[in-house]
Amino acid sequence: MHPTGPQPPGVYWLRRVVVLAVILALLLGVRWLLTSRGSSSPGASPTTSGSPAASESPTPAASSSPSVSPTKSASPSKMPSATPTPTGTCKDSQITVTASTDAATYPVGATPRLRMKIQNTSQTACKRDIGADKNELIITSGTAHVWSSDDCSAAGNAQIETIAPGQSFSVAVTWLGHLSQKGCPANQPAAVKGNYKLVGRNGTAASSPAAFSLT
C-alpha cells in the first residue's frame, strides 16, 4: 500500500492501475466470448436440417432406365411369318441346288465338311421332298467315282417341306476321306492327292460342281 523506490509514489500507483485495467479487460473479453458461443450453438446447422444432404438425394438406379427387349433387337426380316400357301410341288426349274466345301484345299487324311443347299428361287411357295432319300452328295475325280453319301446309307424317310420364295434348306455331311462304292464294301482305301469335284443332288435337280483338292 506504500510503494517504495527511486520513483515518486504516483508512478507506482499508475502502474498498478494499468495492470488492473488489463486484467479487467481480459476478464470481460473471456466472459463475452463464452456468452456469444452459448447463444449461437442452437442454430449451428440450419443448412443441413433445412435441405437434404447430397447423399440423400434420390438417384435413379441403372436398372430403372428402360432397356430394349431382346426380341425387339431382331431384324423384322428374321421374325416368324405366316406359312405361305403352296401352289404345288416345286419343279426343278423353281429350285437351285448348291454344293460347297468348308475349304478349298485339304491334306490327305483330312475330313472335309460337305454342304448342300436347296433354295426356292421362284416367286411362289411350293412343296419339295428334301428327305435323305432324295438327297445325295457325290465326289468324283475326273470321270472316276470316289465317294457318295448314298453308298453306305440306307434309304431315309420322306420330308415334305413348304418352301417360301427365297427360303432354303441345307444338308451337311462329313467325308472321312475314304473311297466308297455301292453296297458299301469294307476296307476301302483312302483318297490320294489330287483334284476333286463335289456335286449335290435333290431328286433330279443337281448342283454345279464345287472343286477342291487333297495335297
Protein backbone atom coordinates (compact mmCIF):
# COMPACT_ATOMS: atom_id res chain seq x y z
CA MET A 1 0.00 0.00 0.00
CA HIS A 2 3.00 2.26 0.48
CA PRO A 3 5.16 1.91 -2.60
CA THR A 4 8.84 2.45 -2.18
CA GLY A 5 11.53 3.04 -4.73
CA PRO A 6 13.55 5.66 -6.50
CA GLN A 7 10.47 6.88 -8.43
CA PRO A 8 7.78 9.12 -6.97
CA PRO A 9 4.83 7.18 -5.40
CA GLY A 10 2.44 8.35 -8.14
CA VAL A 11 4.35 6.41 -10.78
CA TYR A 12 3.92 3.15 -8.93
CA TRP A 13 0.20 3.76 -8.39
CA LEU A 14 -0.25 4.45 -12.11
CA ARG A 15 1.43 1.16 -12.99
CA ARG A 16 -0.87 -0.70 -10.61
CA VAL A 17 -3.94 0.91 -12.18
CA VAL A 18 -2.78 -0.07 -15.71
CA VAL A 19 -2.23 -3.71 -14.68
CA LEU A 20 -5.66 -3.88 -13.05
CA ALA A 21 -7.28 -2.37 -16.15
CA VAL A 22 -5.64 -5.00 -18.40
CA ILE A 23 -6.77 -7.84 -16.12
CA LEU A 24 -10.32 -6.48 -16.08
CA ALA A 25 -10.36 -6.16 -19.86
CA LEU A 26 -9.22 -9.78 -20.24
CA LEU A 27 -11.93 -10.99 -17.86
CA LEU A 28 -14.61 -9.07 -19.75
CA GLY A 29 -13.33 -10.43 -23.08
CA VAL A 30 -13.46 -14.05 -21.87
CA ARG A 31 -16.97 -13.55 -20.50
CA TRP A 32 -18.17 -12.03 -23.80
CA LEU A 33 -16.65 -14.94 -25.80
CA LEU A 34 -18.36 -17.54 -23.65
CA THR A 35 -21.67 -15.72 -23.89
CA SER A 36 -21.53 -15.42 -27.70
CA ARG A 37 -20.73 -19.14 -28.12
CA GLY A 38 -23.58 -20.15 -25.90
CA SER A 39 -26.10 -18.05 -27.82
CA SER A 40 -25.02 -19.33 -31.30
CA SER A 41 -24.82 -23.10 -30.57
CA PRO A 42 -28.59 -23.92 -31.01
CA GLY A 43 -28.54 -22.84 -34.67
CA ALA A 44 -25.22 -24.38 -35.65
CA SER A 45 -26.58 -26.47 -38.57
CA PRO A 46 -29.56 -24.75 -40.18
CA THR A 47 -28.44 -25.62 -43.70
CA THR A 48 -28.27 -29.39 -43.13
CA SER A 49 -31.63 -29.55 -41.39
CA GLY A 50 -33.35 -27.28 -43.87
CA SER A 51 -32.19 -29.04 -47.06
CA PRO A 52 -31.42 -32.70 -47.79
CA ALA A 53 -27.80 -33.76 -47.91
CA ALA A 54 -26.26 -34.58 -51.26
CA SER A 55 -26.07 -38.31 -50.42
CA GLU A 56 -29.79 -38.36 -49.65
CA SER A 57 -30.92 -37.01 -52.99
CA PRO A 58 -32.76 -39.76 -54.95
CA THR A 59 -30.57 -41.10 -57.79
CA PRO A 60 -32.23 -43.47 -60.31
CA ALA A 61 -30.59 -46.89 -60.35
CA ALA A 62 -29.15 -48.12 -63.64
CA SER A 63 -31.79 -50.84 -63.87
CA SER A 64 -34.64 -48.33 -63.64
CA SER A 65 -33.98 -46.93 -67.11
CA PRO A 66 -35.98 -48.66 -69.86
CA SER A 67 -33.99 -51.26 -71.82
CA VAL A 68 -34.59 -52.71 -75.25
CA SER A 69 -36.15 -56.14 -75.19
CA PRO A 70 -34.00 -58.84 -76.83
CA THR A 71 -36.88 -59.71 -79.11
CA LYS A 72 -37.12 -56.14 -80.38
CA SER A 73 -33.45 -56.12 -81.38
CA ALA A 74 -34.06 -58.77 -84.02
CA SER A 75 -34.41 -57.66 -87.60
CA PRO A 76 -38.05 -57.76 -88.80
CA SER A 77 -36.97 -59.92 -91.71
CA LYS A 78 -35.92 -62.59 -89.23
CA MET A 79 -39.21 -62.66 -87.34
CA PRO A 80 -41.54 -65.63 -87.96
CA SER A 81 -44.01 -65.01 -90.73
CA ALA A 82 -47.19 -66.75 -91.75
CA THR A 83 -46.71 -70.02 -93.64
CA PRO A 84 -47.27 -69.28 -97.35
CA THR A 85 -49.84 -71.25 -99.28
CA PRO A 86 -48.01 -73.59 -101.69
CA THR A 87 -49.06 -73.71 -105.31
CA GLY A 88 -48.00 -77.35 -105.69
CA THR A 89 -44.83 -79.40 -105.93
CA CYS A 90 -41.62 -77.47 -106.62
CA LYS A 91 -40.38 -78.15 -110.11
CA ASP A 92 -36.66 -78.44 -110.76
CA SER A 93 -36.86 -75.08 -112.50
CA GLN A 94 -38.15 -73.47 -109.28
CA ILE A 95 -35.26 -74.51 -107.07
CA THR A 96 -31.48 -74.16 -107.08
CA VAL A 97 -29.16 -76.75 -105.56
CA THR A 98 -25.73 -75.52 -104.45
CA ALA A 99 -22.80 -77.66 -103.25
CA SER A 100 -19.82 -76.36 -101.23
CA THR A 101 -16.93 -77.43 -99.02
CA ASP A 102 -15.59 -75.72 -95.89
CA ALA A 103 -12.15 -75.28 -97.51
CA ALA A 104 -10.60 -75.32 -100.97
CA THR A 105 -7.60 -77.49 -100.04
CA TYR A 106 -7.14 -80.29 -97.51
CA PRO A 107 -4.22 -82.52 -96.54
CA VAL A 108 -4.60 -86.21 -97.32
CA GLY A 109 -6.43 -87.87 -94.42
CA ALA A 110 -8.49 -84.78 -93.55
CA THR A 111 -12.26 -84.94 -93.06
CA PRO A 112 -13.85 -82.25 -95.27
CA ARG A 113 -17.22 -80.85 -94.32
CA LEU A 114 -19.57 -81.03 -97.31
CA ARG A 115 -22.73 -78.95 -97.63
CA MET A 116 -25.69 -78.83 -99.99
CA LYS A 117 -28.29 -76.05 -100.08
CA ILE A 118 -31.75 -76.36 -101.64
CA GLN A 119 -33.34 -72.96 -102.28
CA ASN A 120 -36.64 -71.86 -103.78
CA THR A 121 -35.66 -69.28 -106.39
CA SER A 122 -39.18 -68.81 -107.79
CA GLN A 123 -41.75 -66.19 -106.85
CA THR A 124 -44.25 -68.62 -105.31
CA ALA A 125 -44.22 -71.09 -102.43
CA CYS A 126 -44.15 -74.78 -103.29
CA LYS A 127 -43.62 -78.19 -101.72
CA ARG A 128 -40.48 -80.28 -102.10
CA ASP A 129 -39.26 -83.57 -100.66
CA ILE A 130 -35.91 -82.74 -99.05
CA GLY A 131 -35.60 -86.02 -97.11
CA ALA A 132 -32.43 -88.14 -97.04
CA ASP A 133 -33.79 -90.48 -99.69
CA LYS A 134 -33.87 -87.61 -102.21
CA ASN A 135 -30.52 -86.04 -101.30
CA GLU A 136 -27.07 -87.15 -102.37
CA LEU A 137 -23.57 -85.70 -102.23
CA ILE A 138 -21.16 -87.16 -104.80
CA ILE A 139 -17.37 -86.77 -105.10
CA THR A 140 -15.60 -87.54 -108.35
CA SER A 141 -12.07 -87.20 -109.68
CA GLY A 142 -12.11 -86.75 -113.45
CA THR A 143 -14.60 -89.40 -114.59
CA ALA A 144 -13.92 -91.73 -111.65
CA HIS A 145 -16.43 -92.23 -108.84
CA VAL A 146 -14.73 -91.51 -105.50
CA TRP A 147 -17.45 -91.31 -102.87
CA SER A 148 -21.22 -90.88 -102.42
CA SER A 149 -23.32 -90.23 -99.34
CA ASP A 150 -25.75 -92.89 -100.65
CA ASP A 151 -23.17 -95.69 -100.97
CA CYS A 152 -23.28 -96.66 -97.30
CA SER A 153 -26.59 -95.10 -96.21
CA ALA A 154 -29.96 -96.82 -96.16
CA ALA A 155 -32.85 -95.03 -97.80
CA GLY A 156 -34.35 -92.41 -95.49
CA ASN A 157 -37.87 -91.18 -94.93
CA ALA A 158 -39.60 -88.53 -96.99
CA GLN A 159 -39.55 -84.98 -95.65
CA ILE A 160 -42.05 -82.77 -97.50
CA GLU A 161 -41.48 -79.10 -96.78
CA THR A 162 -43.27 -75.99 -97.94
CA ILE A 163 -40.51 -73.70 -99.18
CA ALA A 164 -41.28 -69.99 -99.39
CA PRO A 165 -39.72 -67.83 -102.12
CA GLY A 166 -36.07 -67.28 -101.21
CA GLN A 167 -36.14 -69.83 -98.41
CA SER A 168 -33.52 -72.58 -98.34
CA PHE A 169 -32.71 -75.83 -96.54
CA SER A 170 -29.18 -77.15 -96.00
CA VAL A 171 -27.72 -80.63 -95.64
CA ALA A 172 -24.23 -81.13 -94.16
CA VAL A 173 -22.14 -84.32 -94.28
CA THR A 174 -18.58 -85.08 -93.13
CA TRP A 175 -16.48 -87.10 -95.58
CA LEU A 176 -13.98 -89.33 -93.77
CA GLY A 177 -11.57 -89.21 -96.69
CA HIS A 178 -12.03 -92.80 -97.96
CA LEU A 179 -13.38 -94.09 -101.22
CA SER A 180 -16.79 -95.79 -101.30
CA GLN A 181 -18.81 -97.99 -103.65
CA LYS A 182 -22.43 -99.10 -103.90
CA GLY A 183 -23.14 -101.71 -101.32
CA CYS A 184 -20.51 -100.22 -99.01
CA PRO A 185 -17.71 -102.80 -99.29
CA ALA A 186 -15.31 -102.76 -96.32
CA ASN A 187 -11.64 -101.73 -96.25
CA GLN A 188 -11.88 -99.06 -98.92
CA PRO A 189 -8.60 -97.14 -99.46
CA ALA A 190 -8.05 -93.51 -98.51
CA ALA A 191 -8.31 -90.88 -101.21
CA VAL A 192 -4.94 -89.76 -102.60
CA LYS A 193 -3.56 -86.39 -103.60
CA GLY A 194 -5.39 -84.81 -106.48
CA ASN A 195 -8.21 -82.61 -107.67
CA TYR A 196 -11.81 -83.47 -106.85
CA LYS A 197 -15.32 -82.20 -107.53
CA LEU A 198 -18.38 -82.22 -105.31
CA VAL A 199 -21.95 -82.29 -106.70
CA GLY A 200 -25.15 -82.12 -104.70
CA ARG A 201 -28.43 -83.64 -105.85
CA ASN A 202 -32.02 -83.32 -104.68
CA GLY A 203 -34.21 -85.63 -106.71
CA THR A 204 -33.38 -84.88 -110.31
CA ALA A 205 -32.07 -81.37 -109.61
CA ALA A 206 -28.26 -81.23 -109.38
CA SER A 207 -25.78 -78.52 -108.48
CA SER A 208 -22.82 -77.23 -110.41
CA PRO A 209 -19.52 -78.94 -109.40
CA ALA A 210 -17.59 -77.43 -106.49
CA ALA A 211 -13.83 -78.01 -106.89
CA PHE A 212 -11.40 -78.83 -104.07
CA SER A 213 -8.10 -80.67 -103.73
CA LEU A 214 -6.15 -83.02 -101.46
CA THR A 215 -2.46 -82.25 -101.01
